[in-house]
Amino acid sequence: MSLSLHAATMEVGDRQSTELYVFSTSRFYGQDHTVSWSCDRPDLLSLTPSADGQSASFTALANGHATVTCTVTAPDGSTARAYCFLHIGVNG
């Protein structure tokens, strides 16, 4: 699995999004998995998952560094994570 956006530089007020890709070679492909999204710095980044959970959009709130984590959980409880690293600052 992977995300469509792995890293980005943003300015305060910018909005970006990333989408989850589950490849046919992944153990999660074709399974009834759940997806959750989180941000380690909610003071810097507002995170909004899509209704189907397959993507998330985020808005930069303040300068700093934040990481968006996408966690996929299979019915047997196994998990995998993918990350998007963000730098928020004036002119990068």
Protein backbone atom coordinates (compact mmCIF):
# COMPACT_ATOMS: atom_id res chain seq x y z
CA MET A 1 0.00 0.00 0.00
CA SER A 2 1.04 3.57 -0.54
CA LEU A 3 -0.24 7.13 -0.46
CA SER A 4 -0.58 9.39 -3.49
CA LEU A 5 1.34 12.15 -1.62
CA HIS A 6 4.39 11.20 0.45
CA ALA A 7 5.72 14.66 1.33
CA ALA A 8 4.91 18.28 0.66
CA THR A 9 5.84 21.82 1.59
CA MET A 10 2.88 24.02 2.39
CA GLU A 11 2.18 27.56 3.53
CA VAL A 12 -0.34 28.42 6.21
CA GLY A 13 -3.80 28.27 4.64
CA ASP A 14 -2.81 25.81 1.90
CA ARG A 15 -4.94 22.72 1.37
CA GLN A 16 -3.68 19.35 0.08
CA SER A 17 -4.97 15.80 -0.06
CA THR A 18 -3.64 12.26 -0.29
CA GLU A 19 -5.26 9.01 -1.36
CA LEU A 20 -4.64 5.45 -0.21
CA TYR A 21 -3.56 2.91 -2.83
CA VAL A 22 -3.83 -0.78 -1.95
CA PHE A 23 -1.92 -2.73 -4.60
CA SER A 24 -2.83 -6.21 -5.78
CA THR A 25 0.40 -7.51 -4.20
CA SER A 26 -0.64 -6.22 -0.76
CA ARG A 27 -2.00 -8.59 1.87
CA PHE A 28 -4.89 -6.12 2.28
CA TYR A 29 -5.95 -6.27 -1.38
CA GLY A 30 -9.46 -7.70 -1.76
CA GLN A 31 -9.95 -7.93 2.01
CA ASP A 32 -12.58 -6.15 4.04
CA HIS A 33 -10.11 -3.79 5.72
CA THR A 34 -10.72 -0.60 7.69
CA VAL A 35 -8.83 2.64 7.19
CA SER A 36 -8.11 5.35 9.75
CA TRP A 37 -6.26 8.65 9.42
CA SER A 38 -4.44 10.67 12.07
CA CYS A 39 -2.12 13.65 12.40
CA ASP A 40 0.64 13.96 15.00
CA ARG A 41 0.28 17.76 15.13
CA PRO A 42 -3.40 18.79 15.03
CA ASP A 43 -2.29 22.25 16.16
CA LEU A 44 -0.50 22.64 12.79
CA LEU A 45 -2.72 20.68 10.44
CA SER A 46 -6.49 20.22 10.17
CA LEU A 47 -7.20 16.69 8.88
CA THR A 48 -10.47 15.60 7.24
CA PRO A 49 -10.86 11.99 6.07
CA SER A 50 -13.21 11.32 3.15
CA ALA A 51 -16.55 9.63 3.81
CA ASP A 52 -15.28 6.31 2.40
CA GLY A 53 -11.96 6.58 4.27
CA GLN A 54 -9.86 6.09 1.15
CA SER A 55 -8.44 9.62 1.17
CA ALA A 56 -7.91 12.59 3.45
CA SER A 57 -7.57 16.32 2.93
CA PHE A 58 -5.68 18.65 5.23
CA THR A 59 -5.21 22.36 5.74
CA ALA A 60 -2.08 24.02 7.13
CA LEU A 61 -2.86 26.02 10.29
CA ALA A 62 0.58 27.10 11.55
CA ASN A 63 4.29 26.78 10.75
CA GLY A 64 6.12 23.57 11.66
CA HIS A 65 6.33 19.89 10.71
CA ALA A 66 3.47 17.40 10.78
CA THR A 67 2.97 13.77 9.80
CA VAL A 68 -0.28 12.33 8.48
CA THR A 69 -0.60 8.59 9.17
CA CYS A 70 -2.91 6.23 7.32
CA THR A 71 -3.50 2.94 9.15
CA VAL A 72 -5.08 -0.04 7.40
CA THR A 73 -6.40 -2.85 9.60
CA ALA A 74 -7.33 -6.31 8.29
CA PRO A 75 -10.08 -8.46 9.86
CA ASP A 76 -7.40 -10.57 11.60
CA GLY A 77 -6.10 -7.43 13.38
CA SER A 78 -2.91 -7.04 11.35
CA THR A 79 -2.06 -3.46 10.41
CA ALA A 80 0.05 -1.51 7.98
CA ARG A 81 0.80 2.20 7.95
CA ALA A 82 1.73 4.76 5.32
CA TYR A 83 2.92 8.29 6.03
CA CYS A 84 2.80 11.74 4.49
CA PHE A 85 5.39 14.21 5.84
CA LEU A 86 4.56 17.91 5.71
CA HIS A 87 6.64 21.03 6.19
CA ILE A 88 4.56 24.13 6.82
CA GLY A 89 6.28 27.48 6.58
CA VAL A 90 6.45 30.70 4.64
CA ASN A 91 8.05 29.92 1.27
CA GLY A 92 8.79 26.36 2.44
